[in-house]
Amino acid sequence: MIDAKFDDGTPAKYFIQAVEGDSMVLQRIENNRKTLLYIKATNVFWPDASTDPYNEKNSLWRVKPSAPETQDQLKKRIKDCVKFYEYMFRGYAVSTNNDIDFLGLPCCFRWYQGGILVEGADHLDKKWIDCFYSEDQALQARQMIEDVLTNNKYTWDTTQTNWLLQTADVLKQIYNKM
């Protein structure tokens, strides 16, 4: 059994129905309705915890600050965001799973094989906005990233056949130019 709480504080109980290899099925029953959740592991492993995007240090950029941030603090937050995605792409590139699921991740990027774009201000994901003190600061951070992408040239390694490694390498270049 797994105890959980909804964002309004209402408790929920989930029961593990099945575990097979890298998959698990959870069941929740409420008001005579049954919900089944199917969970599958990514099979991505970061042997060096310092390069695991999901470790606490590398995920701090996603935590909403309690007060407005200075331009330097916003810059650090977006640099940490870029580093997070670099580590994520690099981890997937060396794993057996090349199917990245961005569901639930705050992001202002649109990914393409051979390209990275920043979402327009009117299409920003709410999860991205929630990482910042205010919507205004989220828009400032988005603009800072777009400025770095627009004002610099990045080298896509066309000899690299793995687009995930290509993207990770360009994210590293972006990080270094911020």
Protein backbone atom coordinates (compact mmCIF):
# COMPACT_ATOMS: atom_id res chain seq x y z
CA MET A 1 0.00 0.00 0.00
CA ILE A 2 1.13 3.55 -0.76
CA ASP A 3 -0.28 6.50 1.19
CA ALA A 4 -0.57 9.73 -0.79
CA LYS A 5 -2.27 13.09 -0.54
CA PHE A 6 -3.89 15.19 -3.24
CA ASP A 7 -2.94 18.86 -3.46
CA ASP A 8 -6.05 19.75 -1.41
CA GLY A 9 -4.86 17.49 1.43
CA THR A 10 -7.33 14.69 0.75
CA PRO A 11 -5.71 11.31 1.45
CA ALA A 12 -5.47 8.56 -1.13
CA LYS A 13 -4.36 4.96 -0.85
CA TYR A 14 -2.83 3.06 -3.74
CA PHE A 15 -2.36 -0.69 -3.72
CA ILE A 16 0.37 -2.44 -5.64
CA GLN A 17 -1.35 -4.95 -7.90
CA ALA A 18 1.58 -6.24 -9.91
CA VAL A 19 5.31 -5.79 -10.31
CA GLU A 20 6.99 -7.38 -13.30
CA GLY A 21 10.50 -6.43 -14.37
CA ASP A 22 10.46 -2.70 -14.99
CA SER A 23 6.66 -2.29 -14.76
CA MET A 24 4.21 -1.86 -11.91
CA VAL A 25 0.42 -1.58 -11.68
CA LEU A 26 -1.15 0.47 -8.88
CA GLN A 27 -4.85 0.41 -8.02
CA ARG A 28 -6.96 3.01 -6.22
CA ILE A 29 -10.60 2.58 -5.31
CA GLU A 30 -12.71 5.60 -4.40
CA ASN A 31 -16.49 6.08 -4.48
CA ASN A 32 -16.94 2.62 -6.02
CA ARG A 33 -14.65 3.55 -8.92
CA LYS A 34 -11.40 1.77 -9.62
CA THR A 35 -8.36 3.49 -11.11
CA LEU A 36 -5.40 1.54 -12.42
CA LEU A 37 -2.06 3.28 -12.90
CA TYR A 38 0.49 1.63 -15.15
CA ILE A 39 4.06 2.67 -14.34
CA LYS A 40 7.09 1.73 -16.40
CA ALA A 41 10.70 2.46 -15.48
CA THR A 42 12.85 4.33 -17.96
CA ASN A 43 15.80 1.93 -17.68
CA VAL A 44 18.09 4.93 -17.48
CA PHE A 45 20.81 4.82 -14.87
CA TRP A 46 23.27 7.53 -13.99
CA PRO A 47 26.27 5.78 -12.38
CA ASP A 48 27.67 9.13 -11.24
CA ALA A 49 25.12 10.74 -8.91
CA SER A 50 26.52 14.19 -9.66
CA THR A 51 25.30 13.86 -13.27
CA ASP A 52 21.89 12.42 -12.37
CA PRO A 53 19.46 15.19 -13.33
CA TYR A 54 17.02 14.02 -10.66
CA ASN A 55 19.38 14.23 -7.70
CA GLU A 56 18.52 16.98 -5.24
CA LYS A 57 21.28 19.39 -6.25
CA ASN A 58 20.49 19.15 -9.96
CA SER A 59 16.75 19.56 -9.38
CA LEU A 60 16.81 22.67 -7.17
CA TRP A 61 16.08 24.92 -10.16
CA ARG A 62 12.55 23.46 -10.19
CA VAL A 63 11.78 24.61 -6.62
CA LYS A 64 9.77 27.83 -6.52
CA PRO A 65 11.61 30.55 -4.55
CA SER A 66 9.88 32.24 -1.61
CA ALA A 67 10.87 35.74 -2.76
CA PRO A 68 11.56 37.51 -6.06
CA GLU A 69 14.96 36.71 -7.53
CA THR A 70 17.65 39.04 -8.80
CA GLN A 71 18.85 38.82 -12.41
CA ASP A 72 21.89 36.84 -11.21
CA GLN A 73 19.66 34.38 -9.35
CA LEU A 74 17.41 33.97 -12.41
CA LYS A 75 20.50 33.37 -14.54
CA LYS A 76 21.71 30.67 -12.14
CA ARG A 77 18.26 29.04 -12.17
CA ILE A 78 18.15 28.85 -15.96
CA LYS A 79 21.77 27.67 -16.17
CA ASP A 80 20.83 24.89 -13.75
CA CYS A 81 17.82 24.11 -15.94
CA VAL A 82 20.03 23.80 -19.02
CA LYS A 83 22.47 21.58 -17.08
CA PHE A 84 19.52 19.39 -15.91
CA TYR A 85 18.44 18.78 -19.50
CA GLU A 86 22.01 18.18 -20.64
CA TYR A 87 22.38 15.47 -18.00
CA MET A 88 19.00 14.00 -18.92
CA PHE A 89 19.78 13.79 -22.64
CA ARG A 90 23.25 12.38 -21.94
CA GLY A 91 21.83 9.72 -19.61
CA TYR A 92 19.23 8.61 -22.13
CA ALA A 93 21.83 8.60 -24.91
CA VAL A 94 23.97 5.99 -23.17
CA SER A 95 21.04 3.88 -21.95
CA THR A 96 19.06 1.24 -23.77
CA ASN A 97 16.04 3.58 -23.76
CA ASN A 98 16.04 6.40 -26.31
CA ASP A 99 12.36 7.22 -25.73
CA ILE A 100 12.36 10.36 -23.55
CA ASP A 101 9.15 11.24 -21.74
CA PHE A 102 8.96 14.94 -20.84
CA LEU A 103 5.61 14.53 -19.11
CA GLY A 104 5.62 16.33 -15.78
CA LEU A 105 8.89 18.19 -16.38
CA PRO A 106 8.90 21.98 -16.38
CA CYS A 107 10.28 23.16 -19.67
CA CYS A 108 10.41 26.15 -21.98
CA PHE A 109 12.15 24.31 -24.81
CA ARG A 110 10.88 22.62 -27.91
CA TRP A 111 13.20 19.82 -28.96
CA TYR A 112 13.95 18.80 -32.52
CA GLN A 113 16.52 16.48 -33.99
CA GLY A 114 19.19 19.03 -34.85
CA GLY A 115 17.51 21.97 -33.13
CA ILE A 116 16.37 23.55 -29.88
CA LEU A 117 13.79 26.33 -29.74
CA VAL A 118 12.31 28.30 -26.86
CA GLU A 119 8.52 28.25 -26.57
CA GLY A 120 6.81 31.56 -27.22
CA ALA A 121 5.75 33.53 -24.17
CA ASP A 122 2.11 32.76 -24.90
CA HIS A 123 2.75 28.98 -25.01
CA LEU A 124 4.79 28.54 -21.82
CA ASP A 125 3.96 25.47 -19.81
CA LYS A 126 2.39 26.16 -16.39
CA LYS A 127 4.95 23.82 -14.80
CA TRP A 128 7.70 26.14 -16.10
CA ILE A 129 5.98 29.21 -14.69
CA ASP A 130 5.52 27.48 -11.31
CA CYS A 131 9.32 27.14 -10.95
CA PHE A 132 9.61 30.91 -10.55
CA TYR A 133 8.44 33.41 -7.98
CA SER A 134 5.98 34.93 -10.45
CA GLU A 135 4.84 34.64 -14.03
CA ASP A 136 6.78 37.83 -14.77
CA GLN A 137 10.01 36.23 -13.54
CA ALA A 138 9.26 33.07 -15.56
CA LEU A 139 8.89 35.26 -18.65
CA GLN A 140 12.16 37.07 -17.84
CA ALA A 141 13.96 33.73 -17.53
CA ARG A 142 12.43 32.52 -20.79
CA GLN A 143 13.66 35.67 -22.52
CA MET A 144 17.15 35.25 -21.06
CA ILE A 145 17.33 31.76 -22.56
CA GLU A 146 16.00 32.93 -25.91
CA ASP A 147 18.56 35.74 -25.97
CA VAL A 148 21.40 33.28 -25.38
CA LEU A 149 20.11 31.00 -28.14
CA THR A 150 19.60 33.87 -30.58
CA ASN A 151 22.86 35.72 -29.93
CA ASN A 152 25.23 32.76 -30.14
CA LYS A 153 26.16 30.06 -32.61
CA TYR A 154 26.24 26.43 -31.58
CA THR A 155 27.94 23.52 -33.29
CA TRP A 156 25.85 20.45 -33.96
CA ASP A 157 28.16 17.48 -34.43
CA THR A 158 26.88 16.10 -37.73
CA THR A 159 29.20 13.10 -37.43
CA GLN A 160 27.39 12.06 -34.24
CA THR A 161 24.59 9.66 -35.16
CA ASN A 162 22.83 9.82 -31.79
CA TRP A 163 20.62 12.93 -31.69
CA LEU A 164 20.44 12.69 -27.89
CA LEU A 165 24.22 13.12 -27.63
CA GLN A 166 24.10 15.92 -30.21
CA THR A 167 21.48 17.72 -28.10
CA ALA A 168 23.40 17.14 -24.85
CA ASP A 169 26.55 18.58 -26.44
CA VAL A 170 24.71 21.70 -27.64
CA LEU A 171 23.10 22.15 -24.20
CA LYS A 172 26.60 22.08 -22.72
CA GLN A 173 27.65 24.80 -25.19
CA ILE A 174 24.59 26.87 -24.21
CA TYR A 175 25.42 26.46 -20.52
CA ASN A 176 29.01 27.60 -21.13
CA LYS A 177 27.84 30.73 -23.00
CA MET A 178 25.44 31.85 -20.28
